[in-house]
Structures are given as C-alpha cells and as structure tokens.
C-alpha cells in the first residue's frame, strides 16, 4: 500500500516532469528542490504518513500555476516582495513574485552564478545593489529567467529594488507600472500623520486598475474584487491572531513559521489558499498554547530578528533551535501586521488595498522617518518578551544599514536588551560564510545573552 506521504510526493514529482519551456528551467529546478526539502522535513518531524499541509501545498502550487499560465494564455505579472497580489488575482492575472525566483535560488546557491554574470556585464556589485534582485539580470542575460507579460513595482523600500526592476524593464521592454509610496504615515494617531497619504495611494491604485484594464483588454469584475477582499481580510485576521499567540511563553511556533504567513500573503493574498494556509499556521499555534507546548523544546532564548533571514543558510534557524534552545520570533518580513478592514463597498475595498500597501511587511517599518523602524523594534521587544536582538545587515540595504546602529542604541537605552549587528550578504554565501555567521552568533549568545 502506498503511503499518503508518497502520494503527494509522487504527484508533485510527476508534475515536475511536465514541459514548461526553457524560460522556466530554473523555476522547475527550484520546484523540484522544494518538493524534496518538504519531504525531508516531513520525515524529520515523523509526519511522513500525513497528507501535505495547506501551507506547503500553497507554495508548491504557486510554481505550477505560474508555469502553466503561459500554456493557458493567462498573462503573468511580475511584482516585488513588498506588495500583495490581491488586485492581480481579481484581474485574472497570474502573479509572479520576482524574489521567489531570485531569492528562491539562494538556498541552493544557484543564484551565485547569476550574480557573477550580473557583475561581468557591469551592473552593480554586492556592496552597492541588493542581491535579492540582481540575479534576475544575470539569469535574463543567459535566457534562464521567466519573462512576464507585465511588470509592476513600488518606489520603496529602497532604491536598489527600484533600480534593478527598471533595468529589467529596459532589457525586456515589458509594459511596466510603478506606484510611488509616500513618506508620511496614514494613521491619525501617528506623530508623522499626513492626511494626504492614504488618498495619494488610493488614486494610484485606481490608475493601476485602468492600466491593467488597458493592458489586458478586460474590465475589473467588481464582484470578484469584493470576494478577493473578503478572502484577504480572513487571512489577515488569521495572521493577527497568530501574531498574538506568539506572545506566549514558551513561543508556540518554530522560528520559520511567521515567515510562512508572510509567504501566504505575498504569494496568494486574496485567495482561498492563503486563508487555508494562514488558518493552518494559526491553529497549530493555538493548539500549542492550549497544551503549553513550545515550538522549540525547553525554550531558553527569545530572539527578535528585525531584518531578513540569511536565505543562503536554510539550516541557520534550526541550528539556533537545536544548539541554544533559541526561537526567532518572526523576522521583519514575517511580522505581517495588516488588520482586516471594512470592504463593504468598492471604495472601501480600495481604501483597504491602500492601507495594506502602506503597512505591508518592510514597507510600514522601513519607509519614512527612522522613528517608524525604532518604534517597531522596541514595541516588538516589549510585546514578545525578547531576550536579545540580532541584525544580519548587508551594506547594499543602505536604509536599514543606516538605521541599525541608532536602533540598537535606543533598544539598549529603553529596554536594556543586548543587540548584535554583523555584516553579511543574506543571499551570497561567499561574502561571509555560514560558519562565520554561526560563530559570531554563538559567541554573542554564550558570552552576552546567556
């Protein structure tokens, strides 16, 4: 009798043998890699006889849907890691989050070859432009990058992202639309409130719809848009409940699980799949709180990680858990904190979209005055009973690099919690190796935190 685990594994392996076209060669390689990683994790956790969970299914289905869209004649729109795809789903487009491609290569170190190609053609280098996006250029030069029908990006959170997307647009000639994100807050409760902020983004989103209608030759289906927003709000509610559950001691989730919520919202926000994935993550955390079970056995250290993960080291967080009984309570992307909004009318739907855009992971914290970021970190430290803060900073991320030291001082002054800042490239293992990173963290935890 075939095990249930083998059923889903064999099914996805069979799909991986489909012909997706040369532009999806790397995409398929990642797909295969993630299938194997998920199976290995299931076996490690003793869940080899269980069906695939809703989050893993959602993630693998993204690979399939993007690749099959081309054959179906469905237009693909590429967009960045800091924007939700709900409007694209409502417009019957296939969303392709670019960094799922360029950063998704990092755990397998495949991106490093394309970074070298990008260097060779003279487009930036590691200290000046972020390697979260640069592999896209090198892979395009070698005809290995998926080419979208449409391209969309934001002006934030950094010039590096916007620059790379502009270069890609000029190389490909793909029709492109950009939204400018204002500096000031949209919340009347903020010291930095500007009443024009929200309306400014709403107007741009409505213009985006007009642009999409012209490009796709179809009108926005308002009923489908409303349904998309209903699903979006359901997923948002699940994530916020999950965030609250993580205040518990011990933390009821493993270090990577908050990032799972971010992936659900950035890849499939506005769909039933995102609702199911976030509900699964929330329910697991709720069950653990009820039963007083920690995501990390015998939890000793609670870490705030107000930056991105070190993506080339897939085992860094498990290493922290196993060697120090330490749990990372959400990174800056995993801390998705957009609440549900009133979406009873089309106008309210656009208002909710705009608020979600302004508050999206890394947008709400890394745009505007430095106080946005400082307040976020200090509030996080207090709310989640944090023992230390770790920031793996890359110089190319100039805005975050500049904020790190000041934030560290404020954290120490206001909470007394120790902070570690160290330089590395989260996407290129050749800058600072996994061994060096783990050594620095180990010294910090053993000599200062414990």
Protein backbone atom coordinates (compact mmCIF):
# COMPACT_ATOMS: atom_id res chain seq x y z
CA UNK A 1 0.00 0.00 0.00
CA UNK A 2 1.38 3.43 -0.98
CA UNK A 3 1.79 5.81 1.93
CA UNK A 4 -0.13 9.09 1.87
CA UNK A 5 3.18 10.95 2.06
CA UNK A 6 4.36 9.15 -1.04
CA UNK A 7 1.12 10.04 -2.84
CA UNK A 8 1.63 13.79 -2.69
CA UNK A 9 5.36 13.48 -3.24
CA UNK A 10 4.96 11.31 -6.33
CA UNK A 11 2.19 13.53 -7.65
CA UNK A 12 4.35 16.65 -7.50
CA UNK A 13 7.34 14.79 -8.91
CA UNK A 14 5.16 13.74 -11.83
CA UNK A 15 4.13 17.36 -12.40
CA UNK A 16 7.81 18.34 -12.33
CA UNK A 17 8.30 16.23 -15.47
CA UNK A 18 5.92 18.42 -17.47
CA UNK A 19 7.35 20.55 -20.27
CA UNK A 20 7.25 24.14 -19.05
CA UNK A 21 9.52 25.76 -21.63
CA UNK A 22 13.16 26.91 -21.45
CA UNK A 23 12.40 30.13 -19.56
CA UNK A 24 11.11 28.02 -16.66
CA UNK A 25 14.13 25.69 -16.42
CA UNK A 26 15.41 27.29 -13.22
CA UNK A 27 11.85 27.66 -11.95
CA UNK A 28 11.38 23.91 -12.33
CA UNK A 29 14.72 23.21 -10.63
CA UNK A 30 13.57 25.21 -7.61
CA UNK A 31 10.23 23.41 -7.67
CA UNK A 32 11.97 20.06 -7.52
CA UNK A 33 14.27 21.28 -4.78
CA UNK A 34 11.39 22.47 -2.60
CA UNK A 35 9.50 19.20 -3.12
CA UNK A 36 12.47 17.28 -1.76
CA UNK A 37 13.05 19.74 1.10
CA UNK A 38 9.41 19.41 2.19
CA UNK A 39 9.53 15.65 2.08
CA UNK A 40 12.74 15.60 4.12
CA UNK A 41 11.18 17.93 6.70
CA UNK A 42 8.06 15.74 6.93
CA UNK A 43 10.22 12.67 7.55
CA UNK A 44 12.30 14.57 10.14
CA UNK A 45 9.14 15.50 12.05
CA UNK A 46 7.70 11.99 11.84
CA UNK A 47 4.86 13.13 9.58
CA UNK A 48 5.73 11.03 6.55
CA UNK A 49 2.33 9.32 6.62
CA UNK A 50 0.36 12.56 6.72
CA UNK A 51 -1.05 14.44 3.72
CA UNK A 52 0.67 17.61 2.61
CA UNK A 53 -0.22 20.58 4.80
CA UNK A 54 -2.10 23.62 3.37
CA UNK A 55 0.95 25.91 3.50
CA UNK A 56 3.27 23.54 1.65
CA UNK A 57 0.55 22.83 -0.90
CA UNK A 58 0.03 26.55 -1.49
CA UNK A 59 3.75 27.12 -2.02
CA UNK A 60 4.23 24.25 -4.46
CA UNK A 61 1.08 25.18 -6.36
CA UNK A 62 2.49 28.66 -7.00
CA UNK A 63 5.29 27.08 -9.05
CA UNK A 64 2.79 25.06 -11.04
CA UNK A 65 0.30 27.87 -11.62
CA UNK A 66 2.93 30.30 -12.91
CA UNK A 67 4.47 27.76 -15.28
CA UNK A 68 1.12 26.52 -16.61
CA UNK A 69 -0.22 30.07 -17.06
CA UNK A 70 1.91 30.53 -20.16
CA UNK A 71 0.40 27.49 -21.87
CA UNK A 72 -3.11 28.57 -20.91
CA UNK A 73 -2.59 32.01 -22.38
CA UNK A 74 -3.05 33.64 -18.98
CA UNK A 75 -0.97 36.80 -18.60
CA UNK A 76 1.78 36.76 -15.98
CA UNK A 77 2.52 39.89 -13.97
CA UNK A 78 5.82 40.15 -12.10
CA UNK A 79 5.81 42.15 -8.86
CA UNK A 80 8.12 42.66 -5.83
CA UNK A 81 8.31 41.07 -2.40
CA UNK A 82 6.70 44.01 -0.63
CA UNK A 83 3.30 44.09 -2.32
CA UNK A 84 0.26 41.84 -2.02
CA UNK A 85 -1.13 40.25 -5.25
CA UNK A 86 -4.84 40.52 -4.43
CA UNK A 87 -5.64 43.05 -7.15
CA UNK A 88 -3.88 40.86 -9.73
CA UNK A 89 -5.96 37.85 -8.68
CA UNK A 90 -9.09 39.95 -9.03
CA UNK A 91 -7.99 40.90 -12.57
CA UNK A 92 -7.47 37.23 -13.55
CA UNK A 93 -3.71 37.65 -13.90
CA UNK A 94 -1.10 35.12 -12.74
CA UNK A 95 1.11 36.84 -10.13
CA UNK A 96 4.84 36.05 -10.12
CA UNK A 97 6.64 37.45 -7.11
CA UNK A 98 10.08 38.09 -8.57
CA UNK A 99 12.06 37.41 -5.40
CA UNK A 100 10.53 33.95 -5.16
CA UNK A 101 12.71 33.32 -8.20
CA UNK A 102 15.89 35.27 -7.41
CA UNK A 103 15.90 34.65 -3.64
CA UNK A 104 14.44 31.17 -4.05
CA UNK A 105 17.66 30.19 -5.79
CA UNK A 106 19.77 31.18 -2.76
CA UNK A 107 19.22 28.07 -0.56
CA UNK A 108 20.60 26.01 -3.45
CA UNK A 109 23.40 28.57 -4.16
CA UNK A 110 22.33 28.65 -7.81
CA UNK A 111 21.89 32.44 -7.62
CA UNK A 112 25.64 32.96 -7.16
CA UNK A 113 26.40 32.09 -10.77
CA UNK A 114 23.91 34.68 -11.96
CA UNK A 115 25.31 37.27 -9.57
CA UNK A 116 28.69 36.74 -11.24
CA UNK A 117 27.12 37.20 -14.68
CA UNK A 118 25.48 40.40 -13.47
CA UNK A 119 28.86 41.63 -12.23
CA UNK A 120 30.54 40.79 -15.51
CA UNK A 121 28.13 42.90 -17.54
CA UNK A 122 28.82 45.82 -15.20
CA UNK A 123 25.55 46.08 -13.33
CA UNK A 124 26.47 46.91 -9.75
CA UNK A 125 28.19 44.72 -7.22
CA UNK A 126 27.42 43.26 -3.82
CA UNK A 127 28.17 46.37 -1.71
CA UNK A 128 26.11 48.73 -3.87
CA UNK A 129 22.99 46.86 -5.03
CA UNK A 130 20.92 44.28 -3.19
CA UNK A 131 21.37 40.68 -4.27
CA UNK A 132 17.73 39.92 -3.59
CA UNK A 133 17.01 41.21 -7.10
CA UNK A 134 20.30 41.22 -9.04
CA UNK A 135 20.22 37.51 -10.09
CA UNK A 136 17.25 38.44 -12.28
CA UNK A 137 19.55 40.41 -14.58
CA UNK A 138 22.21 37.69 -14.93
CA UNK A 139 19.62 34.97 -15.45
CA UNK A 140 17.91 37.09 -18.12
CA UNK A 141 21.23 37.53 -19.94
CA UNK A 142 21.62 33.74 -20.01
CA UNK A 143 17.97 33.28 -21.05
CA UNK A 144 17.13 31.47 -17.83
CA UNK A 145 14.70 33.95 -16.28
CA UNK A 146 10.91 33.76 -16.64
CA UNK A 147 9.69 36.72 -18.71
CA UNK A 148 6.39 38.21 -17.55
CA UNK A 149 3.79 39.85 -19.74
CA UNK A 150 3.53 42.79 -17.34
CA UNK A 151 5.78 44.29 -14.66
CA UNK A 152 4.83 46.18 -11.52
CA UNK A 153 6.92 47.57 -8.67
CA UNK A 154 6.98 50.19 -5.91
CA UNK A 155 9.31 53.06 -5.11
CA UNK A 156 10.07 51.53 -1.71
CA UNK A 157 11.61 50.23 0.46
CA UNK A 158 14.87 51.02 -1.34
CA UNK A 159 16.43 52.49 -4.46
CA UNK A 160 18.22 49.21 -5.11
CA UNK A 161 14.97 47.32 -5.74
CA UNK A 162 13.54 50.04 -7.95
CA UNK A 163 16.80 50.34 -9.92
CA UNK A 164 17.02 46.62 -10.70
CA UNK A 165 13.38 46.47 -11.79
CA UNK A 166 13.97 49.45 -14.09
CA UNK A 167 17.00 47.75 -15.63
CA UNK A 168 14.96 44.59 -16.22
CA UNK A 169 12.20 46.66 -17.82
CA UNK A 170 14.65 48.34 -20.19
CA UNK A 171 16.23 45.00 -21.12
CA UNK A 172 12.92 43.27 -21.83
CA UNK A 173 10.62 46.08 -22.91
CA UNK A 174 7.85 44.58 -20.75
CA UNK A 175 4.99 47.07 -20.12
CA UNK A 176 5.55 48.44 -16.63
CA UNK A 177 3.65 50.35 -13.97
CA UNK A 178 5.10 51.86 -10.79
CA UNK A 179 3.46 53.19 -7.64
CA UNK A 180 5.10 55.86 -5.51
CA UNK A 181 4.88 55.24 -1.76
CA UNK A 182 4.63 58.44 0.31
CA UNK A 183 6.95 59.22 3.21
CA UNK A 184 4.42 60.08 5.91
CA UNK A 185 2.02 57.95 7.95
CA UNK A 186 -1.63 57.36 7.08
CA UNK A 187 -2.63 56.84 10.72
CA UNK A 188 -4.16 59.86 12.51
CA UNK A 189 -2.63 58.52 15.74
CA UNK A 190 0.92 58.97 14.41
CA UNK A 191 3.11 62.00 15.10
CA UNK A 192 4.01 61.83 11.42
CA UNK A 193 0.44 61.74 10.09
CA UNK A 194 -0.36 63.41 6.78
CA UNK A 195 -3.99 63.40 5.68
CA UNK A 196 -2.93 63.23 2.02
CA UNK A 197 -1.03 59.94 2.36
CA UNK A 198 -3.90 57.47 2.09
CA UNK A 199 -5.75 59.28 -0.68
CA UNK A 200 -2.50 59.58 -2.67
CA UNK A 201 -2.10 55.78 -2.69
CA UNK A 202 -5.80 55.15 -3.41
CA UNK A 203 -5.62 57.33 -6.52
CA UNK A 204 -2.57 55.44 -7.75
CA UNK A 205 -4.23 52.07 -7.21
CA UNK A 206 -7.24 53.18 -9.22
CA UNK A 207 -4.91 54.31 -12.01
CA UNK A 208 -3.22 50.91 -11.80
CA UNK A 209 -6.59 49.27 -12.42
CA UNK A 210 -7.13 51.43 -15.50
CA UNK A 211 -3.66 50.50 -16.74
CA UNK A 212 -4.33 46.79 -16.15
CA UNK A 213 -7.66 47.06 -17.95
CA UNK A 214 -5.95 48.63 -20.96
CA UNK A 215 -3.19 46.02 -20.99
CA UNK A 216 -5.47 43.01 -20.55
CA UNK A 217 -8.48 44.29 -22.51
CA UNK A 218 -10.81 43.33 -19.67
CA UNK A 219 -12.69 45.31 -17.03
CA UNK A 220 -12.32 44.84 -13.32
CA UNK A 221 -15.03 42.46 -12.14
CA UNK A 222 -16.28 44.25 -9.04
CA UNK A 223 -17.90 41.15 -7.54
CA UNK A 224 -14.71 39.17 -7.96
CA UNK A 225 -12.79 42.09 -6.45
CA UNK A 226 -15.08 42.08 -3.40
CA UNK A 227 -14.66 38.31 -2.96
CA UNK A 228 -10.90 38.74 -3.21
CA UNK A 229 -11.03 41.32 -0.42
CA UNK A 230 -13.20 39.04 1.75
CA UNK A 231 -10.57 36.30 1.49
CA UNK A 232 -7.81 38.83 2.07
CA UNK A 233 -9.44 40.01 5.30
CA UNK A 234 -9.98 36.45 6.50
CA UNK A 235 -6.28 35.70 6.02
CA UNK A 236 -5.31 38.99 7.69
CA UNK A 237 -7.40 38.05 10.74
CA UNK A 238 -5.69 34.63 10.91
CA UNK A 239 -2.24 36.24 10.80
CA UNK A 240 -3.03 38.77 13.51
CA UNK A 241 -4.32 36.00 15.77
CA UNK A 242 -1.12 34.06 15.08
CA UNK A 243 0.95 37.13 15.99
CA UNK A 244 -0.88 37.43 19.29
CA UNK A 245 -0.35 33.76 20.08
CA UNK A 246 3.41 34.21 19.69
CA UNK A 247 3.42 36.41 22.79
CA UNK A 248 3.02 33.22 24.85
CA UNK A 249 5.95 31.74 26.77
CA UNK A 250 7.06 29.30 25.50
CA UNK A 251 6.53 30.52 21.96
CA UNK A 252 4.11 28.07 20.31
CA UNK A 253 5.76 28.15 16.88
CA UNK A 254 9.13 27.40 15.37
CA UNK A 255 11.34 30.21 14.10
CA UNK A 256 10.37 29.94 10.44
CA UNK A 257 6.60 29.84 10.85
CA UNK A 258 5.99 33.59 10.94
CA UNK A 259 7.73 33.79 7.59
CA UNK A 260 5.17 31.27 6.35
CA UNK A 261 2.40 33.78 6.99
CA UNK A 262 4.31 36.40 5.02
CA UNK A 263 4.68 34.00 2.09
CA UNK A 264 0.96 33.23 2.16
CA UNK A 265 0.11 36.92 1.97
CA UNK A 266 2.73 37.96 -0.57
CA UNK A 267 2.19 34.99 -2.89
CA UNK A 268 -1.52 34.26 -2.58
CA UNK A 269 -3.09 37.17 -0.68
CA UNK A 270 -6.72 37.49 -1.71
CA UNK A 271 -7.25 33.77 -2.38
CA UNK A 272 -8.81 30.88 -0.52
CA UNK A 273 -5.40 29.16 -0.49
CA UNK A 274 -3.95 31.96 1.65
CA UNK A 275 -6.89 31.69 4.04
CA UNK A 276 -6.31 27.96 4.45
CA UNK A 277 -2.54 28.30 4.87
CA UNK A 278 -2.76 31.06 7.49
CA UNK A 279 -5.54 29.22 9.32
CA UNK A 280 -3.38 26.10 9.49
CA UNK A 281 -0.47 28.07 10.96
CA UNK A 282 -2.76 29.85 13.43
CA UNK A 283 -4.50 26.66 14.53
CA UNK A 284 -1.20 24.89 15.16
CA UNK A 285 0.00 27.79 17.32
CA UNK A 286 -3.32 27.94 19.19
CA UNK A 287 -3.20 24.22 19.93
CA UNK A 288 0.34 24.52 21.26
CA UNK A 289 -0.61 27.45 23.52
CA UNK A 290 -3.55 25.49 24.87
CA UNK A 291 -1.33 22.50 25.61
CA UNK A 292 1.63 24.62 26.80
CA UNK A 293 3.86 23.23 24.05
CA UNK A 294 6.76 25.28 22.75
CA UNK A 295 7.78 25.33 19.11
CA UNK A 296 11.31 24.91 20.47
CA UNK A 297 11.61 22.37 23.32
CA UNK A 298 12.89 23.82 26.60
CA UNK A 299 12.91 27.37 25.25
CA UNK A 300 15.71 29.49 26.76
CA UNK A 301 16.18 32.49 24.44
CA UNK A 302 13.64 34.61 22.55
CA UNK A 303 15.22 36.48 19.65
CA UNK A 304 13.96 39.50 17.70
CA UNK A 305 15.28 39.46 14.14
CA UNK A 306 14.27 42.84 12.63
CA UNK A 307 15.76 42.14 9.25
CA UNK A 308 15.52 39.42 6.61
CA UNK A 309 16.69 35.84 7.09
CA UNK A 310 20.07 34.64 5.87
CA UNK A 311 18.49 32.94 2.89
CA UNK A 312 21.52 31.01 1.67
CA UNK A 313 21.71 29.14 5.01
CA UNK A 314 18.50 27.17 5.20
CA UNK A 315 19.61 25.48 8.42
CA UNK A 316 20.60 28.56 10.43
CA UNK A 317 17.35 28.86 12.37
CA UNK A 318 17.10 25.11 13.11
CA UNK A 319 20.74 25.32 14.28
CA UNK A 320 19.78 28.06 16.74
CA UNK A 321 16.86 26.00 17.98
CA UNK A 322 18.85 22.80 18.45
CA UNK A 323 22.05 24.27 19.92
CA UNK A 324 20.75 27.14 22.05
CA UNK A 325 17.06 26.34 22.59
CA UNK A 326 16.52 29.71 20.95
CA UNK A 327 13.45 30.77 19.00
CA UNK A 328 13.39 33.61 16.49
CA UNK A 329 10.00 35.23 16.98
CA UNK A 330 9.39 36.47 13.44
CA UNK A 331 11.76 38.38 11.18
CA UNK A 332 10.91 41.74 9.60
CA UNK A 333 9.03 40.09 6.71
CA UNK A 334 7.27 37.53 8.90
CA UNK A 335 5.92 40.32 11.10
CA UNK A 336 2.94 40.97 8.83
CA UNK A 337 0.54 43.14 10.80
CA UNK A 338 -2.13 44.47 8.42
CA UNK A 339 -5.53 44.25 10.13
CA UNK A 340 -8.83 43.43 8.43
CA UNK A 341 -10.72 46.48 7.14
CA UNK A 342 -14.24 47.40 6.10
CA UNK A 343 -14.64 46.27 2.48
CA UNK A 344 -18.42 46.63 2.16
CA UNK A 345 -18.16 48.91 -0.89
CA UNK A 346 -15.78 49.24 -3.82
CA UNK A 347 -14.44 52.48 -2.35
CA UNK A 348 -13.77 50.72 0.95
CA UNK A 349 -12.03 47.91 -0.94
CA UNK A 350 -9.63 50.41 -2.49
CA UNK A 351 -9.07 52.04 0.88
CA UNK A 352 -8.22 48.63 2.35
CA UNK A 353 -5.83 47.93 -0.52
CA UNK A 354 -4.09 51.25 0.07
CA UNK A 355 -3.75 50.69 3.82
CA UNK A 356 -2.43 47.20 3.15
CA UNK A 357 0.12 48.62 0.72
CA UNK A 358 1.34 51.21 3.23
CA UNK A 359 1.51 48.70 6.10
CA UNK A 360 2.87 45.70 4.19
CA UNK A 361 5.89 43.82 5.56
CA UNK A 362 9.01 46.00 5.43
CA UNK A 363 7.05 48.92 3.92
CA UNK A 364 5.42 50.14 7.12
CA UNK A 365 8.69 49.83 9.04
CA UNK A 366 11.32 50.90 6.51
CA UNK A 367 9.80 53.92 4.77
CA UNK A 368 9.55 57.41 6.22
CA UNK A 369 11.23 58.69 9.40
CA UNK A 370 13.63 56.44 11.30
CA UNK A 371 11.14 56.51 14.18
CA UNK A 372 8.95 54.04 12.23
CA UNK A 373 11.66 51.40 12.48
CA UNK A 374 12.82 52.24 16.01
CA UNK A 375 9.28 52.16 17.39
CA UNK A 376 8.59 48.85 15.64
CA UNK A 377 11.69 47.17 17.13
CA UNK A 378 11.19 48.48 20.66
CA UNK A 379 7.48 47.60 20.65
CA UNK A 380 8.36 44.12 19.38
CA UNK A 381 10.98 43.62 22.11
CA UNK A 382 8.49 44.55 24.82
CA UNK A 383 5.43 42.75 23.43
CA UNK A 384 7.19 39.45 22.80
CA UNK A 385 9.41 39.33 25.92
CA UNK A 386 12.56 39.36 23.82
CA UNK A 387 15.96 38.43 25.31
CA UNK A 388 18.15 39.79 22.51
CA UNK A 389 18.10 41.37 19.06
CA UNK A 390 20.09 40.06 16.08
CA UNK A 391 20.52 42.03 12.85
CA UNK A 392 22.43 40.43 9.92
CA UNK A 393 22.94 43.60 7.86
CA UNK A 394 24.12 43.99 4.28
CA UNK A 395 25.67 47.27 3.18
CA UNK A 396 23.63 47.33 -0.03
CA UNK A 397 20.49 47.71 2.11
CA UNK A 398 21.55 51.27 2.84
CA UNK A 399 18.43 52.50 4.62
CA UNK A 400 18.37 49.57 7.07
CA UNK A 401 22.15 49.65 7.48
CA UNK A 402 21.95 53.30 8.48
CA UNK A 403 19.11 52.67 10.94
CA UNK A 404 20.64 49.65 12.66
CA UNK A 405 23.17 51.34 14.95
CA UNK A 406 20.79 54.08 16.12
CA UNK A 407 18.07 51.50 16.70
CA UNK A 408 20.48 49.31 18.65
CA UNK A 409 21.32 52.20 20.96
CA UNK A 410 17.66 53.02 21.52
CA UNK A 411 16.84 49.39 22.28
CA UNK A 412 19.62 49.27 24.87
CA UNK A 413 18.60 52.61 26.41
CA UNK A 414 14.90 51.82 26.61
CA UNK A 415 14.89 48.10 27.37
CA UNK A 416 18.41 47.06 28.39
CA UNK A 417 18.27 44.20 25.87
CA UNK A 418 21.59 43.36 24.11
CA UNK A 419 21.78 43.77 20.33
CA UNK A 420 24.10 42.14 17.82
CA UNK A 421 24.75 43.69 14.41
CA UNK A 422 27.03 41.94 11.95
CA UNK A 423 27.74 42.37 8.26
CA UNK A 424 26.92 39.69 5.71
CA UNK A 425 25.08 39.20 2.45
CA UNK A 426 21.90 37.20 3.15
CA UNK A 427 21.88 35.98 -0.46
CA UNK A 428 25.56 35.24 -1.21
CA UNK A 429 27.45 32.74 0.93
CA UNK A 430 30.78 33.88 -0.48
CA UNK A 431 30.72 37.24 1.30
CA UNK A 432 30.51 35.85 4.84
CA UNK A 433 30.19 32.09 5.21
CA UNK A 434 27.66 30.17 7.27
CA UNK A 435 30.47 29.07 9.59
CA UNK A 436 31.50 32.67 10.28
CA UNK A 437 27.91 33.77 10.86
CA UNK A 438 27.18 30.90 13.23
CA UNK A 439 30.43 31.54 15.09
CA UNK A 440 29.55 35.21 15.65
CA UNK A 441 26.05 34.38 16.83
CA UNK A 442 27.31 31.60 19.10
CA UNK A 443 29.80 33.96 20.75
CA UNK A 444 27.11 36.60 21.26
CA UNK A 445 24.62 34.17 22.78
CA UNK A 446 27.08 32.40 25.08
CA UNK A 447 29.12 35.42 26.21
CA UNK A 448 26.47 38.13 26.44
CA UNK A 449 22.93 36.71 26.42
CA UNK A 450 23.17 33.51 28.49
